[in-house]
Amino acid sequence: MPVHTLQRGTRRFSINDVTNTSPYVNTAITNWTSRVTAAGGAAPSATTVNALMIFLKGLYDSNLYAKMININCFVPDNITAAITPLIATIGSGSVGVSNTWFSSSFTVANLSISGLTGGGGGYYLKTGVIPAAIATNNIGLTLYNTISDTSNKNDFGVQVGGVDTQLLGNYQGAAYWDCYDGGAGRISGTPLTNGLGYTSGNRISAVSSYIYKASSTVAHVSLAGPGSTPNTPPTVYDIWAFCMNNSGGAFGETTKRFSFMGIHNGLTATESSTFFNLIQTMRTNIGGGYV
């Protein structure tokens, strides 16, 4: 089994690094655990909390935290903790709205240390994040899939009037990133085997859109791009997970198992590589949810 740590100078972070004193990290983790318990979930385990603290510290140290919009780590402690986003600057989990991503049909039976498994029809999560609310329209979506699945279903996105904003880790043998246009704004490439591992679609600018992939055994690499994003983002409907939000209705609900899903500002190749390493380390420290 591979061992993943974060390297920063001569300092190495591991699951035993529980002496974190960063006020930002402490505030963020306290906020998350408070939202979990306020939503009726049991307090997450020390293992989970420590893993997420290391993850958050890595985001701060690498200056990626400011790019995070709404991210969910699908921790294995309980279903409430699993669907409560760790970071939620807008959308569900942010101030003044529900603590969790709205769940349709998911129960603890869908949850394991390897992530949250979709159940097909009727199983999806609402993030509350409307693409037009993201500053500069530079959006990114990231998935980490941990189960082989070649079915042609939707993973993460929204469609309004035929205009897509979605990331498909594996659909008809390809990974797709549709950013504000499912035609001219679509880029695609060869996914990891059966769609396993990390896939990230990112809009850097109106003429720079990329998909990246990685896993424990495959180095981080760009699989498609640059592509253009000719249209404007949806202004009404939010992004849904484990399906595509088709103008307010779930479409193509997937049976994949995800251990991470996130909405963020577009990442460069270097930033995405760092992001992948942080996610991989976090899931390794939890004890599952990586391939």
Protein backbone atom coordinates (compact mmCIF):
# COMPACT_ATOMS: atom_id res chain seq x y z
CA MET A 1 0.00 0.00 0.00
CA PRO A 2 1.50 3.39 -0.96
CA VAL A 3 2.29 5.87 1.79
CA HIS A 4 1.50 9.51 1.08
CA THR A 5 2.82 12.49 3.01
CA LEU A 6 3.10 16.18 2.31
CA GLN A 7 6.59 17.57 1.81
CA ARG A 8 7.20 21.19 2.74
CA GLY A 9 10.88 21.97 3.15
CA THR A 10 12.24 19.65 5.82
CA ARG A 11 8.82 19.27 7.44
CA ARG A 12 6.69 16.19 6.72
CA PHE A 13 3.05 16.06 7.73
CA SER A 14 1.50 12.77 8.79
CA ILE A 15 -1.52 11.49 10.70
CA ASN A 16 0.46 11.94 13.92
CA ASP A 17 0.79 15.68 13.35
CA VAL A 18 -1.88 16.75 15.87
CA THR A 19 -0.14 19.84 17.25
CA ASN A 20 -1.41 22.16 14.52
CA THR A 21 -1.73 25.70 15.90
CA SER A 22 -2.87 27.55 12.77
CA PRO A 23 -5.92 29.64 13.77
CA TYR A 24 -7.31 29.29 10.24
CA VAL A 25 -7.16 25.51 10.31
CA ASN A 26 -8.55 25.30 13.83
CA THR A 27 -11.42 27.63 12.98
CA ALA A 28 -12.26 25.74 9.79
CA ILE A 29 -12.27 22.32 11.46
CA THR A 30 -14.30 23.60 14.42
CA ASN A 31 -16.80 25.14 12.04
CA TRP A 32 -17.14 21.87 10.14
CA THR A 33 -17.61 19.66 13.22
CA SER A 34 -20.15 22.14 14.60
CA ARG A 35 -22.14 22.00 11.36
CA VAL A 36 -22.06 18.19 11.44
CA THR A 37 -23.46 18.00 14.97
CA ALA A 38 -25.95 20.82 14.34
CA ALA A 39 -27.33 18.77 11.45
CA GLY A 40 -27.84 15.80 13.78
CA GLY A 41 -24.69 13.79 13.09
CA ALA A 42 -22.35 12.29 15.67
CA ALA A 43 -19.05 14.07 16.23
CA PRO A 44 -16.44 12.82 13.74
CA SER A 45 -13.61 10.60 14.99
CA ALA A 46 -10.16 11.87 15.95
CA THR A 47 -8.72 10.08 12.91
CA THR A 48 -11.05 11.96 10.58
CA VAL A 49 -10.49 15.30 12.29
CA ASN A 50 -6.71 14.90 12.18
CA ALA A 51 -6.75 13.90 8.51
CA LEU A 52 -8.89 16.91 7.61
CA MET A 53 -6.71 19.27 9.66
CA ILE A 54 -3.65 18.14 7.71
CA PHE A 55 -5.60 18.57 4.48
CA LEU A 56 -6.71 22.08 5.44
CA LYS A 57 -3.20 23.07 6.48
CA GLY A 58 -1.93 21.86 3.13
CA LEU A 59 -4.53 23.98 1.34
CA TYR A 60 -3.48 27.05 3.32
CA ASP A 61 0.25 26.44 2.93
CA SER A 62 -0.11 26.02 -0.83
CA ASN A 63 -2.41 29.05 -1.21
CA LEU A 64 -5.17 26.85 -2.62
CA TYR A 65 -7.64 27.52 0.18
CA ALA A 66 -8.76 30.82 -1.39
CA LYS A 67 -9.77 28.91 -4.53
CA MET A 68 -12.03 26.47 -2.68
CA ILE A 69 -15.78 27.15 -3.01
CA ASN A 70 -17.64 24.07 -1.77
CA ILE A 71 -15.82 20.79 -1.18
CA ASN A 72 -16.95 17.52 0.35
CA CYS A 73 -14.66 14.75 1.59
CA PHE A 74 -17.33 12.03 2.10
CA VAL A 75 -15.80 10.94 5.41
CA PRO A 76 -16.85 7.49 6.70
CA ASP A 77 -17.98 8.45 10.23
CA ASN A 78 -21.72 8.83 9.56
CA ILE A 79 -23.97 9.89 6.70
CA THR A 80 -24.42 13.43 8.08
CA ALA A 81 -20.67 14.00 8.30
CA ALA A 82 -20.27 12.49 4.84
CA ILE A 83 -22.56 15.03 3.17
CA THR A 84 -21.50 18.08 5.20
CA PRO A 85 -18.99 20.06 3.12
CA LEU A 86 -15.67 20.79 4.79
CA ILE A 87 -15.48 24.19 3.07
CA ALA A 88 -18.57 26.06 1.87
CA THR A 89 -18.08 29.71 0.99
CA ILE A 90 -21.31 29.68 -1.05
CA GLY A 91 -24.00 27.06 -1.51
CA SER A 92 -25.17 24.41 0.96
CA GLY A 93 -23.11 24.42 4.13
CA SER A 94 -22.43 28.16 3.99
CA VAL A 95 -23.83 30.77 6.38
CA GLY A 96 -27.59 31.00 6.37
CA VAL A 97 -28.35 27.78 4.48
CA SER A 98 -28.51 24.06 5.23
CA ASN A 99 -25.41 22.62 6.88
CA THR A 100 -25.31 19.70 4.46
CA TRP A 101 -25.60 18.99 0.78
CA PHE A 102 -29.28 18.13 0.33
CA SER A 103 -29.57 14.35 0.09
CA SER A 104 -32.05 12.38 -1.95
CA SER A 105 -32.19 8.74 -0.82
CA PHE A 106 -28.64 8.31 0.57
CA THR A 107 -28.34 6.37 3.83
CA VAL A 108 -25.51 4.91 5.87
CA ALA A 109 -25.80 1.78 3.69
CA ASN A 110 -24.27 3.82 0.84
CA LEU A 111 -21.28 4.86 2.95
CA SER A 112 -17.98 3.08 3.56
CA ILE A 113 -14.37 3.99 4.28
CA SER A 114 -13.90 4.05 0.49
CA GLY A 115 -16.50 6.78 -0.05
CA LEU A 116 -20.19 7.31 -0.84
CA THR A 117 -21.76 5.02 -3.44
CA GLY A 118 -24.52 6.19 -5.75
CA GLY A 119 -27.66 4.09 -5.96
CA GLY A 120 -28.82 4.99 -9.45
CA GLY A 121 -32.27 6.47 -9.95
CA GLY A 122 -33.32 8.84 -7.16
CA TYR A 123 -29.87 9.09 -5.52
CA TYR A 124 -28.26 12.51 -5.77
CA LEU A 125 -26.97 15.46 -3.74
CA LYS A 126 -27.66 19.17 -4.23
CA THR A 127 -24.70 21.48 -3.60
CA GLY A 128 -26.57 24.79 -3.74
CA VAL A 129 -23.76 26.29 -5.85
CA ILE A 130 -25.02 28.17 -8.92
CA PRO A 131 -22.15 28.58 -11.43
CA ALA A 132 -22.91 32.25 -12.09
CA ALA A 133 -22.21 33.00 -8.40
CA ILE A 134 -18.54 32.10 -8.86
CA ALA A 135 -16.32 35.14 -9.27
CA THR A 136 -14.82 35.68 -12.75
CA ASN A 137 -16.73 32.58 -13.96
CA ASN A 138 -13.53 30.53 -13.61
CA ILE A 139 -14.99 27.32 -12.24
CA GLY A 140 -13.44 23.94 -11.53
CA LEU A 141 -15.02 20.59 -10.59
CA THR A 142 -13.05 17.70 -9.10
CA LEU A 143 -13.97 14.03 -8.53
CA TYR A 144 -12.23 11.07 -6.93
CA ASN A 145 -13.85 7.79 -7.95
CA THR A 146 -12.94 4.56 -6.12
CA ILE A 147 -15.05 1.91 -7.85
CA SER A 148 -14.80 0.52 -11.38
CA ASP A 149 -17.86 1.65 -13.31
CA THR A 150 -18.19 1.81 -17.07
CA SER A 151 -21.88 2.73 -17.12
CA ASN A 152 -22.80 5.84 -19.08
CA LYS A 153 -24.15 8.00 -16.29
CA ASN A 154 -23.63 11.55 -15.06
CA ASP A 155 -21.32 12.43 -12.19
CA PHE A 156 -21.37 16.12 -11.28
CA GLY A 157 -23.02 19.11 -12.93
CA VAL A 158 -25.94 21.18 -14.17
CA GLN A 159 -27.65 21.73 -17.52
CA VAL A 160 -30.01 24.57 -18.38
CA GLY A 161 -31.60 24.82 -21.79
CA GLY A 162 -29.12 22.36 -23.25
CA VAL A 163 -26.08 24.28 -21.96
CA ASP A 164 -23.89 22.12 -19.71
CA THR A 165 -21.53 22.74 -16.84
CA GLN A 166 -20.44 19.29 -15.80
CA LEU A 167 -17.56 16.88 -15.24
CA LEU A 168 -17.83 13.24 -16.30
CA GLY A 169 -15.01 11.02 -15.07
CA ASN A 170 -15.92 8.24 -17.50
CA TYR A 171 -18.74 8.32 -20.04
CA GLN A 172 -18.67 6.09 -23.11
CA GLY A 173 -14.97 5.54 -22.52
CA ALA A 174 -13.99 9.21 -22.22
CA ALA A 175 -13.63 11.87 -19.56
CA TYR A 176 -15.60 15.02 -20.40
CA TRP A 177 -15.42 18.59 -19.15
CA ASP A 178 -18.34 20.71 -20.35
CA CYS A 179 -17.86 24.31 -19.26
CA TYR A 180 -20.86 26.52 -20.07
CA ASP A 181 -21.40 24.73 -23.37
CA GLY A 182 -21.84 21.04 -24.13
CA GLY A 183 -20.78 21.62 -27.76
CA ALA A 184 -18.07 24.15 -28.46
CA GLY A 185 -17.20 24.29 -24.77
CA ARG A 186 -16.59 20.54 -24.39
CA ILE A 187 -13.16 18.94 -24.10
CA SER A 188 -12.53 15.25 -23.58
CA GLY A 189 -9.77 12.69 -23.30
CA THR A 190 -8.87 9.20 -22.14
CA PRO A 191 -9.75 8.65 -18.46
CA LEU A 192 -7.97 6.39 -16.03
CA THR A 193 -9.07 2.75 -16.32
CA ASN A 194 -12.82 2.49 -15.65
CA GLY A 195 -12.83 6.12 -14.54
CA LEU A 196 -10.96 5.33 -11.32
CA GLY A 197 -9.00 7.99 -9.45
CA TYR A 198 -8.78 11.77 -9.56
CA THR A 199 -10.37 13.75 -12.41
CA SER A 200 -10.49 17.54 -12.40
CA GLY A 201 -12.04 19.91 -14.97
CA ASN A 202 -10.91 23.54 -14.80
CA ARG A 203 -11.67 26.83 -16.52
CA ILE A 204 -8.64 29.11 -16.26
CA SER A 205 -9.96 31.69 -18.72
CA ALA A 206 -12.42 31.92 -21.62
CA VAL A 207 -9.84 30.24 -23.87
CA SER A 208 -8.07 27.97 -21.36
CA SER A 209 -9.96 24.96 -20.06
CA TYR A 210 -8.29 21.68 -19.01
CA ILE A 211 -8.95 18.22 -17.59
CA TYR A 212 -6.37 16.58 -15.32
CA LYS A 213 -6.14 13.01 -13.99
CA ALA A 214 -4.06 11.09 -11.42
CA SER A 215 -4.07 8.14 -9.02
CA SER A 216 -1.71 6.31 -6.67
CA THR A 217 -0.10 4.61 -9.66
CA VAL A 218 -0.58 7.23 -12.40
CA ALA A 219 1.28 10.52 -12.17
CA HIS A 220 -0.72 13.74 -12.42
CA VAL A 221 -1.13 14.72 -16.07
CA SER A 222 -3.33 16.88 -18.31
CA LEU A 223 -5.61 14.65 -20.40
CA ALA A 224 -7.31 17.39 -22.44
CA GLY A 225 -7.00 21.09 -23.20
CA PRO A 226 -6.72 23.90 -23.75
CA GLY A 227 -10.34 24.36 -24.72
CA SER A 228 -12.60 27.39 -24.98
CA THR A 229 -15.67 28.24 -22.87
CA PRO A 230 -17.77 30.38 -25.23
CA ASN A 231 -21.00 30.79 -23.27
CA THR A 232 -22.01 32.21 -19.89
CA PRO A 233 -22.70 30.14 -16.76
CA PRO A 234 -26.18 29.14 -15.52
CA THR A 235 -27.77 31.81 -13.33
CA VAL A 236 -30.62 29.84 -11.74
CA TYR A 237 -29.96 26.14 -11.20
CA ASP A 238 -27.28 24.71 -8.92
CA ILE A 239 -24.73 21.92 -9.44
CA TRP A 240 -25.83 18.47 -8.30
CA ALA A 241 -23.61 15.52 -7.40
CA PHE A 242 -24.04 11.89 -8.50
CA CYS A 243 -26.11 13.12 -11.47
CA MET A 244 -26.69 16.16 -13.62
CA ASN A 245 -29.24 18.75 -12.53
CA ASN A 246 -31.31 19.06 -15.69
CA SER A 247 -33.20 22.33 -15.08
CA GLY A 248 -34.31 21.17 -11.64
CA GLY A 249 -34.57 17.41 -12.20
CA ALA A 250 -32.03 14.66 -11.64
CA PHE A 251 -30.73 13.08 -14.84
CA GLY A 252 -28.44 10.07 -15.33
CA GLU A 253 -27.83 9.24 -11.66
CA THR A 254 -24.54 7.36 -11.31
CA THR A 255 -23.65 4.27 -9.29
CA LYS A 256 -19.99 5.27 -8.93
CA ARG A 257 -18.39 5.59 -5.49
CA PHE A 258 -16.79 8.94 -4.76
CA SER A 259 -14.46 9.75 -1.88
CA PHE A 260 -14.16 13.43 -2.82
CA MET A 261 -16.09 15.99 -4.85
CA GLY A 262 -15.30 19.66 -4.97
CA ILE A 263 -16.26 22.95 -6.59
CA HIS A 264 -13.49 25.53 -6.80
CA ASN A 265 -11.97 28.19 -8.99
CA GLY A 266 -10.07 26.85 -11.99
CA LEU A 267 -6.70 25.27 -11.18
CA THR A 268 -3.53 25.33 -13.22
CA ALA A 269 -1.69 22.06 -13.82
CA THR A 270 0.69 22.80 -10.94
CA GLU A 271 -2.16 23.70 -8.59
CA SER A 272 -4.15 20.61 -9.59
CA SER A 273 -1.13 18.38 -8.94
CA THR A 274 -0.80 19.85 -5.45
CA PHE A 275 -4.55 19.48 -4.90
CA PHE A 276 -4.43 15.81 -5.91
CA ASN A 277 -1.55 15.10 -3.52
CA LEU A 278 -3.44 16.75 -0.66
CA ILE A 279 -6.62 14.75 -1.39
CA GLN A 280 -4.62 11.52 -1.76
CA THR A 281 -2.88 12.10 1.56
CA MET A 282 -6.14 12.99 3.31
CA ARG A 283 -7.87 9.82 2.14
CA THR A 284 -4.82 7.69 2.93
CA ASN A 285 -4.78 9.12 6.46
CA ILE A 286 -8.48 8.33 6.84
CA GLY A 287 -7.66 4.76 5.84
CA GLY A 288 -9.51 4.35 2.53
CA GLY A 289 -11.00 6.17 -0.43
CA TYR A 290 -8.07 6.14 -2.81
CA VAL A 291 -6.86 3.93 -5.66
